[in-house]
Structures are given as structure tokens and as C-alpha cells.
Amino acid sequence: MIEITKSAEKIITDLLQDESKSGMSLRMQIVGRGPGGFQYAVRFVPEDDQVAGDEAVQFDDFKVLIDPETAANIKNSTLDYQEDEFQRGFLIDNPNPVWKDSTAQAVQELLDTKINPGLASHGGFVALLDYKDDTAFIGFGGGCQGCGLVDVTLKEGVEATIREALPQVKKVVDTTDHTTGKNPFYKNDGDGNSALA
């Protein structure tokens, strides 16, 4: 299912020596997709966090829990720990394609090669979060989150480009919460509705 390098195994074992983490398992989960590929959460959870359907992989000193959706997309991956003068942390080498659906792959390629380079000049980006029922679910980030022109960017830019290049995509849905972020143009009115700031 998944391989863990000796350096990653040592770090995990050392972290589990902490009394507050004693008896815990490591949960690995794919939490999204973005321009760089899969996005992961790797965290310690109580051993009883295991639920029906989870794959449990036993290593010498700990157990790794993987939910079914993640398991299908993380097979034959390697969890490593790397540390140098610039960064330190876990790194997952995953040979699986980010999207199995050919239309989703085409949307991702369009975002990476045509749409995101233009948004990057404004400090923003857009990520494909899911594709199902002929609908592309996207999320804006960076300078695009909460931007007052996001509706124009979505309708006249992103959606128009995707639908022109890929007519099989019938709908593009922005799932971004534009009321959060550093300086959102939209504010939450307290009733869960977005309103202009």
C-alpha cells in the first residue's frame, strides 16, 4: 500500500515517544488537489479514530490509517522525511495520476498552462477541486480570494476558457469562501450570507 522510509519512520517513532501521543496512530489523507498535485494531511490521531473502511497498515512501532478514497489514490506511494537548510518535513512521492477522468485531466492542464499563468500576475490562482456530472468544481486562492472582480474573472475568464476549450464541461462552480482571507472584498453578514464590504 505505502512505503515509509527509515528516516520518516524514525521521526514518527520519535514523535510518538511523547507521552501525549502514546498509543496514537498516524492518519494519512488526501484532502484536495491543486496545481502541484494532491494535497495531504498527515497527523496523529487516537487509535480509536479507525473507522469501517479504513485501511490499517501496521509498521514496527505504529499503525497508519488510510481512508478508502485516499487509499485508491495513494497506492505504491512513499512517505519520506527530508531536512536541509531551507526546509524540513514529510514528503510524499505519489506515482498515481491526480485525475483519472480524462476531462478532469484536460481541465487541470488548461488551468496549469493557460489560466493560472495569467492569474499569477495578480497574485492569484485557481485549483480544480473535483469534477463530476459534467461540472468542474474550482477554488480561487491568493489574490483572487475575496477579490471584488472574482465574478468577472470566473464568468468571463475561467469559465469561458474552460467551456470553450472543453465543451463537455457544462458547468463551472466556484466553491471559494470569498468572505475569508487577509482583505476580502466580501464580508459575511452574520447570517451566513456574503455581502459587499
N, C-alpha and C. Protein backbone atom coordinates (compact mmCIF):
# COMPACT_ATOMS: atom_id res chain seq x y z
N MET A 1 0.83 -1.21 0.00
CA MET A 1 0.00 0.00 0.00
C MET A 1 0.86 1.25 0.00
N ILE A 2 1.66 1.44 1.07
CA ILE A 2 2.53 2.61 1.16
C ILE A 2 3.84 2.22 1.83
N GLU A 3 4.90 2.82 1.36
CA GLU A 3 6.22 2.56 1.95
C GLU A 3 6.62 3.77 2.77
N ILE A 4 7.27 3.53 3.90
CA ILE A 4 7.78 4.62 4.73
C ILE A 4 9.29 4.44 4.85
N THR A 5 10.04 5.47 4.48
CA THR A 5 11.49 5.37 4.54
C THR A 5 11.96 5.30 5.99
N LYS A 6 13.20 4.84 6.17
CA LYS A 6 13.77 4.72 7.52
C LYS A 6 13.81 6.08 8.22
N SER A 7 14.14 7.15 7.47
CA SER A 7 14.22 8.48 8.11
C SER A 7 12.84 8.94 8.57
N ALA A 8 11.80 8.69 7.76
CA ALA A 8 10.44 9.07 8.16
C ALA A 8 9.96 8.22 9.33
N GLU A 9 10.29 6.92 9.28
CA GLU A 9 9.88 6.01 10.36
C GLU A 9 10.50 6.43 11.68
N LYS A 10 11.78 6.85 11.65
CA LYS A 10 12.45 7.28 12.87
C LYS A 10 11.80 8.54 13.45
N ILE A 11 11.49 9.52 12.59
CA ILE A 11 10.85 10.75 13.06
C ILE A 11 9.49 10.43 13.68
N ILE A 12 8.70 9.60 13.00
CA ILE A 12 7.37 9.24 13.52
C ILE A 12 7.50 8.55 14.88
N THR A 13 8.42 7.59 14.97
CA THR A 13 8.63 6.87 16.23
C THR A 13 9.07 7.82 17.33
N ASP A 14 9.99 8.74 17.00
CA ASP A 14 10.45 9.72 17.99
C ASP A 14 9.30 10.60 18.47
N LEU A 15 8.46 11.05 17.55
CA LEU A 15 7.32 11.90 17.91
C LEU A 15 6.33 11.15 18.79
N LEU A 16 6.18 9.84 18.55
CA LEU A 16 5.25 9.04 19.33
C LEU A 16 5.76 8.75 20.75
N GLN A 17 7.05 8.99 20.99
CA GLN A 17 7.60 8.80 22.33
C GLN A 17 7.04 9.83 23.31
N ASP A 18 6.56 10.96 22.79
CA ASP A 18 5.94 11.99 23.61
C ASP A 18 4.73 11.38 24.31
N GLU A 19 4.61 11.57 25.61
CA GLU A 19 3.52 10.96 26.39
C GLU A 19 2.14 11.31 25.83
N SER A 20 1.98 12.54 25.32
CA SER A 20 0.67 12.94 24.83
C SER A 20 0.29 12.21 23.55
N LYS A 21 1.26 11.59 22.88
CA LYS A 21 0.98 10.88 21.63
C LYS A 21 1.06 9.37 21.79
N SER A 22 1.31 8.90 22.97
CA SER A 22 1.44 7.47 23.22
C SER A 22 0.17 6.74 22.81
N GLY A 23 0.32 5.66 22.06
CA GLY A 23 -0.82 4.86 21.64
C GLY A 23 -1.58 5.43 20.46
N MET A 24 -1.05 6.44 19.81
CA MET A 24 -1.76 7.06 18.69
C MET A 24 -1.34 6.41 17.37
N SER A 25 -2.16 6.62 16.36
CA SER A 25 -1.88 6.16 15.00
C SER A 25 -1.60 7.37 14.13
N LEU A 26 -1.02 7.11 12.97
CA LEU A 26 -0.76 8.17 12.00
C LEU A 26 -1.83 8.07 10.91
N ARG A 27 -2.57 9.15 10.70
CA ARG A 27 -3.57 9.16 9.62
C ARG A 27 -3.01 9.93 8.44
N MET A 28 -3.03 9.29 7.28
CA MET A 28 -2.64 9.94 6.03
C MET A 28 -3.89 10.10 5.19
N GLN A 29 -4.08 11.31 4.67
CA GLN A 29 -5.32 11.59 3.96
C GLN A 29 -5.07 12.58 2.83
N ILE A 30 -5.66 12.30 1.68
CA ILE A 30 -5.67 13.28 0.60
C ILE A 30 -6.84 14.21 0.87
N VAL A 31 -6.55 15.51 1.00
CA VAL A 31 -7.59 16.48 1.36
C VAL A 31 -7.96 17.40 0.20
N GLY A 32 -7.29 17.24 -0.91
CA GLY A 32 -7.62 18.07 -2.06
C GLY A 32 -6.62 17.88 -3.18
N ARG A 33 -6.83 18.63 -4.23
CA ARG A 33 -5.94 18.63 -5.38
C ARG A 33 -5.65 20.07 -5.73
N GLY A 34 -4.47 20.32 -6.23
CA GLY A 34 -4.12 21.68 -6.60
C GLY A 34 -3.13 21.69 -7.73
N PRO A 35 -2.61 22.85 -8.07
CA PRO A 35 -1.67 22.95 -9.18
C PRO A 35 -0.46 22.03 -9.02
N GLY A 36 -0.03 21.79 -7.78
CA GLY A 36 1.13 20.93 -7.55
C GLY A 36 0.80 19.47 -7.40
N GLY A 37 -0.44 19.08 -7.54
CA GLY A 37 -0.84 17.68 -7.36
C GLY A 37 -1.75 17.50 -6.18
N PHE A 38 -1.68 16.32 -5.58
CA PHE A 38 -2.51 16.03 -4.40
C PHE A 38 -2.05 16.88 -3.22
N GLN A 39 -3.01 17.23 -2.36
CA GLN A 39 -2.71 17.93 -1.11
C GLN A 39 -3.03 16.96 0.02
N TYR A 40 -2.13 16.86 0.98
CA TYR A 40 -2.22 15.83 2.02
C TYR A 40 -2.35 16.42 3.42
N ALA A 41 -2.94 15.61 4.29
CA ALA A 41 -2.88 15.87 5.73
C ALA A 41 -2.27 14.62 6.35
N VAL A 42 -1.21 14.80 7.13
CA VAL A 42 -0.57 13.70 7.84
C VAL A 42 -0.56 14.11 9.31
N ARG A 43 -1.30 13.36 10.13
CA ARG A 43 -1.44 13.79 11.53
C ARG A 43 -1.62 12.59 12.44
N PHE A 44 -1.33 12.80 13.72
CA PHE A 44 -1.55 11.76 14.71
C PHE A 44 -3.01 11.81 15.17
N VAL A 45 -3.59 10.63 15.32
CA VAL A 45 -4.98 10.52 15.79
C VAL A 45 -5.06 9.42 16.83
N PRO A 46 -6.06 9.47 17.70
CA PRO A 46 -6.23 8.37 18.66
C PRO A 46 -6.46 7.06 17.91
N GLU A 47 -6.01 5.98 18.49
CA GLU A 47 -6.13 4.68 17.82
C GLU A 47 -7.58 4.34 17.49
N ASP A 48 -8.53 4.81 18.32
CA ASP A 48 -9.94 4.51 18.05
C ASP A 48 -10.53 5.40 16.95
N ASP A 49 -9.68 6.21 16.31
CA ASP A 49 -10.12 7.02 15.16
C ASP A 49 -10.36 6.14 13.94
N GLN A 50 -9.88 4.89 13.99
CA GLN A 50 -10.08 3.97 12.87
C GLN A 50 -11.56 3.67 12.72
N VAL A 51 -12.06 3.80 11.49
CA VAL A 51 -13.47 3.53 11.21
C VAL A 51 -13.58 2.46 10.14
N ALA A 52 -14.77 1.92 9.98
CA ALA A 52 -15.01 0.89 8.98
C ALA A 52 -14.61 1.42 7.60
N GLY A 53 -13.89 0.63 6.86
CA GLY A 53 -13.45 1.04 5.53
C GLY A 53 -12.02 1.54 5.50
N ASP A 54 -11.50 1.99 6.65
CA ASP A 54 -10.10 2.43 6.70
C ASP A 54 -9.17 1.26 6.42
N GLU A 55 -8.10 1.53 5.72
CA GLU A 55 -7.03 0.54 5.61
C GLU A 55 -6.05 0.84 6.73
N ALA A 56 -5.68 -0.18 7.47
CA ALA A 56 -4.73 -0.03 8.56
C ALA A 56 -3.45 -0.77 8.18
N VAL A 57 -2.35 -0.04 8.12
CA VAL A 57 -1.06 -0.63 7.77
C VAL A 57 -0.19 -0.60 9.02
N GLN A 58 0.21 -1.79 9.48
CA GLN A 58 0.99 -1.89 10.71
C GLN A 58 2.48 -1.84 10.40
N PHE A 59 3.19 -0.91 11.05
CA PHE A 59 4.64 -0.85 10.98
C PHE A 59 5.18 -1.32 12.32
N ASP A 60 6.49 -1.33 12.50
CA ASP A 60 7.05 -1.87 13.74
C ASP A 60 6.48 -1.21 14.98
N ASP A 61 6.47 0.14 15.03
CA ASP A 61 6.11 0.84 16.26
C ASP A 61 4.81 1.64 16.17
N PHE A 62 4.14 1.59 15.04
CA PHE A 62 2.92 2.40 14.89
C PHE A 62 2.07 1.84 13.75
N LYS A 63 0.85 2.37 13.71
CA LYS A 63 -0.10 1.99 12.68
C LYS A 63 -0.45 3.21 11.84
N VAL A 64 -0.62 3.02 10.53
CA VAL A 64 -1.03 4.09 9.63
C VAL A 64 -2.46 3.80 9.18
N LEU A 65 -3.35 4.80 9.30
CA LEU A 65 -4.74 4.68 8.89
C LEU A 65 -4.96 5.47 7.61
N ILE A 66 -5.63 4.84 6.65
CA ILE A 66 -5.87 5.47 5.35
C ILE A 66 -7.32 5.24 4.96
N ASP A 67 -8.06 6.33 4.72
CA ASP A 67 -9.47 6.20 4.34
C ASP A 67 -9.57 5.64 2.91
N PRO A 68 -10.73 5.07 2.54
CA PRO A 68 -10.86 4.40 1.25
C PRO A 68 -10.57 5.28 0.04
N GLU A 69 -11.02 6.53 0.04
CA GLU A 69 -10.80 7.40 -1.10
C GLU A 69 -9.32 7.72 -1.26
N THR A 70 -8.64 7.94 -0.13
CA THR A 70 -7.20 8.19 -0.18
C THR A 70 -6.47 6.94 -0.64
N ALA A 71 -6.87 5.78 -0.11
CA ALA A 71 -6.19 4.52 -0.44
C ALA A 71 -6.17 4.29 -1.95
N ALA A 72 -7.26 4.63 -2.62
CA ALA A 72 -7.34 4.42 -4.06
C ALA A 72 -6.37 5.31 -4.82
N ASN A 73 -5.96 6.43 -4.22
CA ASN A 73 -5.10 7.40 -4.91
C ASN A 73 -3.68 7.49 -4.35
N ILE A 74 -3.35 6.64 -3.38
CA ILE A 74 -2.04 6.74 -2.74
C ILE A 74 -1.25 5.44 -2.85
N LYS A 75 -1.82 4.45 -3.54
CA LYS A 75 -1.20 3.14 -3.68
C LYS A 75 0.22 3.27 -4.25
N ASN A 76 1.15 2.51 -3.67
CA ASN A 76 2.56 2.47 -4.11
C ASN A 76 3.30 3.79 -3.89
N SER A 77 2.80 4.62 -2.97
CA SER A 77 3.48 5.88 -2.64
C SER A 77 4.53 5.65 -1.56
N THR A 78 5.41 6.63 -1.40
CA THR A 78 6.46 6.56 -0.39
C THR A 78 6.39 7.82 0.47
N LEU A 79 6.36 7.63 1.79
CA LEU A 79 6.42 8.74 2.74
C LEU A 79 7.87 8.87 3.21
N ASP A 80 8.45 10.04 2.99
CA ASP A 80 9.84 10.29 3.37
C ASP A 80 9.89 11.50 4.28
N TYR A 81 10.97 11.65 5.00
CA TYR A 81 11.21 12.86 5.79
C TYR A 81 12.51 13.47 5.31
N GLN A 82 12.46 14.76 4.94
CA GLN A 82 13.65 15.43 4.45
C GLN A 82 13.92 16.68 5.26
N GLU A 83 15.19 16.91 5.49
CA GLU A 83 15.59 18.10 6.26
C GLU A 83 16.87 18.66 5.66
N ASP A 84 16.85 19.96 5.35
CA ASP A 84 18.06 20.64 4.90
C ASP A 84 18.01 22.07 5.43
N GLU A 85 18.90 22.92 4.94
CA GLU A 85 18.96 24.28 5.49
C GLU A 85 17.76 25.13 5.10
N PHE A 86 16.99 24.70 4.11
CA PHE A 86 15.85 25.50 3.64
C PHE A 86 14.50 25.00 4.15
N GLN A 87 14.38 23.71 4.38
CA GLN A 87 13.08 23.17 4.77
C GLN A 87 13.25 21.84 5.49
N ARG A 88 12.18 21.47 6.19
CA ARG A 88 12.15 20.14 6.79
C ARG A 88 10.70 19.70 6.87
N GLY A 89 10.48 18.42 6.67
CA GLY A 89 9.12 17.91 6.77
C GLY A 89 8.94 16.64 5.97
N PHE A 90 7.72 16.14 6.05
CA PHE A 90 7.37 14.92 5.33
C PHE A 90 7.11 15.23 3.86
N LEU A 91 7.49 14.30 3.03
CA LEU A 91 7.31 14.43 1.59
C LEU A 91 6.71 13.12 1.08
N ILE A 92 5.64 13.22 0.30
CA ILE A 92 5.01 12.02 -0.25
C ILE A 92 5.29 11.95 -1.74
N ASP A 93 5.93 10.88 -2.14
CA ASP A 93 6.18 10.62 -3.57
C ASP A 93 5.07 9.69 -4.04
N ASN A 94 4.16 10.25 -4.84
CA ASN A 94 2.96 9.53 -5.25
C ASN A 94 2.96 9.37 -6.77
N PRO A 95 3.05 8.11 -7.26
CA PRO A 95 3.09 7.88 -8.70
C PRO A 95 1.73 7.91 -9.37
N ASN A 96 0.66 8.04 -8.60
CA ASN A 96 -0.70 7.97 -9.16
C ASN A 96 -1.09 9.29 -9.84
N PRO A 97 -1.87 9.21 -10.91
CA PRO A 97 -2.32 10.44 -11.57
C PRO A 97 -3.26 11.22 -10.67
N VAL A 98 -3.17 12.54 -10.71
CA VAL A 98 -4.03 13.38 -9.88
C VAL A 98 -5.49 13.20 -10.29
N TRP A 99 -5.72 13.04 -11.58
CA TRP A 99 -7.08 12.83 -12.09
C TRP A 99 -7.10 11.61 -12.98
N LYS A 100 -8.05 10.71 -12.76
CA LYS A 100 -8.20 9.53 -13.62
C LYS A 100 -9.13 9.84 -14.79
N ASP A 101 -10.07 10.75 -14.58
CA ASP A 101 -11.01 11.13 -15.62
C ASP A 101 -10.29 12.01 -16.65
N SER A 102 -10.45 11.68 -17.94
CA SER A 102 -9.72 12.41 -19.00
C SER A 102 -10.15 13.87 -19.09
N THR A 103 -11.44 14.16 -18.83
CA THR A 103 -11.88 15.56 -18.87
C THR A 103 -11.28 16.34 -17.70
N ALA A 104 -11.26 15.73 -16.52
CA ALA A 104 -10.64 16.38 -15.36
C ALA A 104 -9.17 16.66 -15.63
N GLN A 105 -8.47 15.71 -16.25
CA GLN A 105 -7.07 15.91 -16.61
C GLN A 105 -6.92 17.09 -17.57
N ALA A 106 -7.83 17.18 -18.53
CA ALA A 106 -7.78 18.26 -19.52
C ALA A 106 -8.04 19.62 -18.86
N VAL A 107 -8.99 19.67 -17.90
CA VAL A 107 -9.27 20.91 -17.17
C VAL A 107 -8.03 21.32 -16.37
N GLN A 108 -7.41 20.35 -15.69
CA GLN A 108 -6.21 20.65 -14.90
C GLN A 108 -5.10 21.20 -15.79
N GLU A 109 -4.90 20.59 -16.94
CA GLU A 109 -3.86 21.06 -17.86
C GLU A 109 -4.14 22.47 -18.35
N LEU A 110 -5.42 22.75 -18.61
CA LEU A 110 -5.82 24.10 -19.04
C LEU A 110 -5.55 25.13 -17.94
N LEU A 111 -5.85 24.76 -16.70
CA LEU A 111 -5.57 25.66 -15.57
C LEU A 111 -4.07 25.92 -15.44
N ASP A 112 -3.28 24.84 -15.56
CA ASP A 112 -1.84 24.95 -15.36
C ASP A 112 -1.15 25.74 -16.47
N THR A 113 -1.61 25.57 -17.72
CA THR A 113 -0.88 26.16 -18.85
C THR A 113 -1.43 27.49 -19.33
N LYS A 114 -2.74 27.71 -19.19
CA LYS A 114 -3.32 28.94 -19.75
C LYS A 114 -3.91 29.89 -18.71
N ILE A 115 -4.62 29.36 -17.73
CA ILE A 115 -5.36 30.22 -16.81
C ILE A 115 -4.49 30.71 -15.64
N ASN A 116 -3.81 29.80 -14.96
CA ASN A 116 -3.03 30.21 -13.78
C ASN A 116 -1.86 31.13 -14.10
N PRO A 117 -1.17 30.99 -15.23
CA PRO A 117 -0.12 31.96 -15.52
C PRO A 117 -0.65 33.41 -15.58
N GLY A 118 -1.87 33.61 -16.11
CA GLY A 118 -2.47 34.94 -16.14
C GLY A 118 -2.87 35.43 -14.76
N LEU A 119 -3.44 34.53 -13.95
CA LEU A 119 -3.86 34.91 -12.59
C LEU A 119 -2.65 35.18 -11.70
N ALA A 120 -1.54 34.49 -11.97
CA ALA A 120 -0.34 34.66 -11.15
C ALA A 120 0.18 36.09 -11.20
N SER A 121 -0.04 36.78 -12.31
CA SER A 121 0.43 38.17 -12.42
C SER A 121 -0.33 39.09 -11.46
N HIS A 122 -1.48 38.61 -10.95
CA HIS A 122 -2.26 39.37 -9.97
C HIS A 122 -2.16 38.74 -8.58
N GLY A 123 -1.26 37.77 -8.45
CA GLY A 123 -1.06 37.12 -7.15
C GLY A 123 -2.10 36.07 -6.82
N GLY A 124 -2.84 35.59 -7.81
CA GLY A 124 -3.88 34.61 -7.54
C GLY A 124 -3.69 33.32 -8.29
N PHE A 125 -4.56 32.37 -8.00
CA PHE A 125 -4.56 31.09 -8.71
C PHE A 125 -5.94 30.46 -8.56
N VAL A 126 -6.21 29.47 -9.39
CA VAL A 126 -7.43 28.70 -9.28
C VAL A 126 -7.07 27.22 -9.32
N ALA A 127 -7.73 26.42 -8.50
CA ALA A 127 -7.46 24.99 -8.42
C ALA A 127 -8.72 24.20 -8.76
N LEU A 128 -8.54 23.10 -9.46
CA LEU A 128 -9.64 22.18 -9.70
C LEU A 128 -9.77 21.29 -8.49
N LEU A 129 -10.91 21.33 -7.82
CA LEU A 129 -11.13 20.56 -6.60
C LEU A 129 -11.81 19.23 -6.87
N ASP A 130 -12.70 19.21 -7.87
CA ASP A 130 -13.41 17.98 -8.20
C ASP A 130 -14.03 18.14 -9.58
N TYR A 131 -14.32 17.02 -10.21
CA TYR A 131 -15.04 17.03 -11.48
C TYR A 131 -16.01 15.86 -11.48
N LYS A 132 -17.30 16.17 -11.54
CA LYS A 132 -18.31 15.11 -11.62
C LYS A 132 -19.58 15.66 -12.24
N ASP A 133 -20.33 14.78 -12.88
CA ASP A 133 -21.60 15.15 -13.52
C ASP A 133 -21.43 16.34 -14.46
N ASP A 134 -20.38 16.32 -15.27
CA ASP A 134 -20.10 17.38 -16.26
C ASP A 134 -19.88 18.75 -15.62
N THR A 135 -19.53 18.77 -14.32
CA THR A 135 -19.32 20.02 -13.60
C THR A 135 -17.92 20.06 -13.02
N ALA A 136 -17.21 21.18 -13.26
CA ALA A 136 -15.89 21.40 -12.67
C ALA A 136 -16.06 22.26 -11.42
N PHE A 137 -15.64 21.75 -10.29
CA PHE A 137 -15.69 22.48 -9.03
C PHE A 137 -14.30 23.08 -8.78
N ILE A 138 -14.23 24.40 -8.69
CA ILE A 138 -12.95 25.08 -8.56
C ILE A 138 -12.89 25.91 -7.29
N GLY A 139 -11.68 26.29 -6.92
CA GLY A 139 -11.48 27.16 -5.77
C GLY A 139 -10.41 28.19 -6.10
N PHE A 140 -10.68 29.45 -5.78
CA PHE A 140 -9.70 30.52 -6.00
C PHE A 140 -8.85 30.69 -4.75
N GLY A 141 -7.61 31.13 -4.94
CA GLY A 141 -6.73 31.38 -3.82
C GLY A 141 -5.83 32.57 -4.10
N GLY A 142 -5.02 32.92 -3.13
CA GLY A 142 -4.13 34.06 -3.28
C GLY A 142 -4.92 35.34 -3.44
N GLY A 143 -4.51 36.19 -4.37
CA GLY A 143 -5.15 37.48 -4.59
C GLY A 143 -6.56 37.38 -5.14
N CYS A 144 -6.96 36.19 -5.61
CA CYS A 144 -8.31 36.02 -6.17
C CYS A 144 -9.36 35.78 -5.09
N GLN A 145 -8.93 35.31 -3.93
CA GLN A 145 -9.90 35.01 -2.87
C GLN A 145 -10.41 36.31 -2.27
N GLY A 146 -11.71 36.54 -2.41
CA GLY A 146 -12.32 37.74 -1.86
C GLY A 146 -12.17 38.97 -2.74
N CYS A 147 -11.60 38.80 -3.93
CA CYS A 147 -11.41 39.93 -4.84
C CYS A 147 -12.76 40.42 -5.36
N GLY A 148 -12.93 41.71 -5.47
CA GLY A 148 -14.19 42.30 -5.94
C GLY A 148 -14.51 41.98 -7.38
N LEU A 149 -13.51 41.57 -8.16
CA LEU A 149 -13.73 41.24 -9.58
C LEU A 149 -13.78 39.74 -9.82
N VAL A 150 -13.91 38.94 -8.74
CA VAL A 150 -13.86 37.50 -8.91
C VAL A 150 -14.99 36.98 -9.80
N ASP A 151 -16.17 37.61 -9.74
CA ASP A 151 -17.27 37.16 -10.61
C ASP A 151 -16.92 37.35 -12.08
N VAL A 152 -16.27 38.47 -12.40
CA VAL A 152 -15.83 38.73 -13.78
C VAL A 152 -14.76 37.72 -14.17
N THR A 153 -13.80 37.49 -13.26
CA THR A 153 -12.73 36.52 -13.53
C THR A 153 -13.32 35.14 -13.77
N LEU A 154 -14.31 34.76 -12.96
CA LEU A 154 -14.92 33.45 -13.10
C LEU A 154 -15.69 33.34 -14.41
N LYS A 155 -16.65 34.23 -14.63
CA LYS A 155 -17.55 34.12 -15.78
C LYS A 155 -16.86 34.41 -17.12
N GLU A 156 -16.14 35.53 -17.18
CA GLU A 156 -15.55 35.94 -18.46
C GLU A 156 -14.17 35.35 -18.70
N GLY A 157 -13.54 34.89 -17.65
CA GLY A 157 -12.19 34.34 -17.79
C GLY A 157 -12.16 32.83 -17.68
N VAL A 158 -12.24 32.35 -16.45
CA VAL A 158 -12.04 30.92 -16.19
C VAL A 158 -13.12 30.07 -16.84
N GLU A 159 -14.39 30.36 -16.55
CA GLU A 159 -15.47 29.53 -17.08
C GLU A 159 -15.51 29.59 -18.61
N ALA A 160 -15.37 30.78 -19.18
CA ALA A 160 -15.42 30.92 -20.64
C ALA A 160 -14.28 30.14 -21.29
N THR A 161 -13.08 30.21 -20.71
CA THR A 161 -11.93 29.49 -21.28
C THR A 161 -12.13 27.99 -21.20
N ILE A 162 -12.59 27.50 -20.05
CA ILE A 162 -12.79 26.05 -19.89
C ILE A 162 -13.88 25.56 -20.83
N ARG A 163 -15.01 26.23 -20.89
CA ARG A 163 -16.14 25.75 -21.70
C ARG A 163 -15.86 25.87 -23.20
N GLU A 164 -15.06 26.85 -23.58
CA GLU A 164 -14.71 26.97 -25.00
C GLU A 164 -13.77 25.84 -25.43
N ALA A 165 -12.79 25.55 -24.58
CA ALA A 165 -11.82 24.51 -24.91
C ALA A 165 -12.38 23.11 -24.71
N LEU A 166 -13.28 22.97 -23.73
CA LEU A 166 -13.81 21.65 -23.37
C LEU A 166 -15.33 21.72 -23.27
N PRO A 167 -16.04 21.63 -24.42
CA PRO A 167 -17.49 21.79 -24.40
C PRO A 167 -18.24 20.74 -23.58
N GLN A 168 -17.56 19.62 -23.27
CA GLN A 168 -18.21 18.60 -22.44
C GLN A 168 -18.40 19.06 -20.99
N VAL A 169 -17.66 20.13 -20.59
CA VAL A 169 -17.85 20.70 -19.25
C VAL A 169 -19.04 21.65 -19.34
N LYS A 170 -20.14 21.26 -18.72
CA LYS A 170 -21.37 22.03 -18.83
C LYS A 170 -21.46 23.17 -17.81
N LYS A 171 -20.74 23.01 -16.68
CA LYS A 171 -20.87 23.99 -15.61
C LYS A 171 -19.54 24.12 -14.87
N VAL A 172 -19.25 25.34 -14.42
CA VAL A 172 -18.07 25.60 -13.57
C VAL A 172 -18.58 26.26 -12.30
N VAL A 173 -18.31 25.65 -11.15
CA VAL A 173 -18.83 26.13 -9.88
C VAL A 173 -17.67 26.58 -8.98
N ASP A 174 -17.74 27.83 -8.54
CA ASP A 174 -16.74 28.38 -7.62
C ASP A 174 -17.16 28.02 -6.19
N THR A 175 -16.33 27.24 -5.49
CA THR A 175 -16.65 26.82 -4.12
C THR A 175 -15.92 27.65 -3.07
N THR A 176 -15.22 28.69 -3.50
CA THR A 176 -14.41 29.50 -2.60
C THR A 176 -15.26 30.31 -1.62
N ASP A 177 -14.81 30.37 -0.37
CA ASP A 177 -15.43 31.27 0.60
C ASP A 177 -14.73 32.63 0.44
N HIS A 178 -15.37 33.54 -0.26
CA HIS A 178 -14.76 34.84 -0.54
C HIS A 178 -14.91 35.84 0.61
N THR A 179 -15.46 35.38 1.75
CA THR A 179 -15.59 36.27 2.91
C THR A 179 -14.40 36.14 3.86
N THR A 180 -13.49 35.18 3.57
CA THR A 180 -12.34 34.99 4.44
C THR A 180 -11.07 35.41 3.70
N GLY A 181 -9.96 35.39 4.41
CA GLY A 181 -8.70 35.79 3.80
C GLY A 181 -8.20 37.07 4.44
N LYS A 182 -7.10 37.60 3.91
CA LYS A 182 -6.47 38.77 4.52
C LYS A 182 -7.29 40.04 4.37
N ASN A 183 -7.85 40.26 3.18
CA ASN A 183 -8.57 41.51 2.95
C ASN A 183 -9.72 41.26 1.98
N PRO A 184 -10.74 40.49 2.41
CA PRO A 184 -11.80 40.13 1.48
C PRO A 184 -12.66 41.32 1.07
N PHE A 185 -13.04 41.33 -0.19
CA PHE A 185 -13.94 42.36 -0.71
C PHE A 185 -15.36 42.09 -0.20
N TYR A 186 -15.63 40.80 0.04
CA TYR A 186 -16.95 40.40 0.54
C TYR A 186 -16.84 40.11 2.03
N LYS A 187 -17.88 40.41 2.77
CA LYS A 187 -17.93 40.13 4.20
C LYS A 187 -19.15 39.25 4.49
N ASN A 188 -19.03 38.44 5.53
CA ASN A 188 -20.16 37.63 5.97
C ASN A 188 -21.08 38.54 6.79
N ASP A 189 -22.38 38.54 6.48
CA ASP A 189 -23.30 39.46 7.17
C ASP A 189 -23.79 38.94 8.51
N GLY A 190 -23.23 37.80 8.95
CA GLY A 190 -23.63 37.24 10.24
C GLY A 190 -24.68 36.17 10.10
N ASP A 191 -25.39 36.16 8.98
CA ASP A 191 -26.41 35.13 8.75
C ASP A 191 -25.90 34.08 7.75
N GLY A 192 -24.59 34.10 7.49
CA GLY A 192 -24.01 33.14 6.56
C GLY A 192 -24.09 33.58 5.12
N ASN A 193 -24.52 34.83 4.87
CA ASN A 193 -24.62 35.33 3.51
C ASN A 193 -23.45 36.25 3.20
N SER A 194 -23.05 36.28 1.92
CA SER A 194 -21.97 37.17 1.51
C SER A 194 -22.55 38.52 1.11
N ALA A 195 -21.91 39.57 1.53
CA ALA A 195 -22.34 40.92 1.15
C ALA A 195 -21.09 41.74 0.87
N LEU A 196 -21.23 42.78 0.07
CA LEU A 196 -20.09 43.64 -0.20
C LEU A 196 -19.62 44.31 1.06
N ALA A 197 -18.30 44.40 1.20
CA ALA A 197 -17.74 45.02 2.40
C ALA A 197 -17.94 46.52 2.37
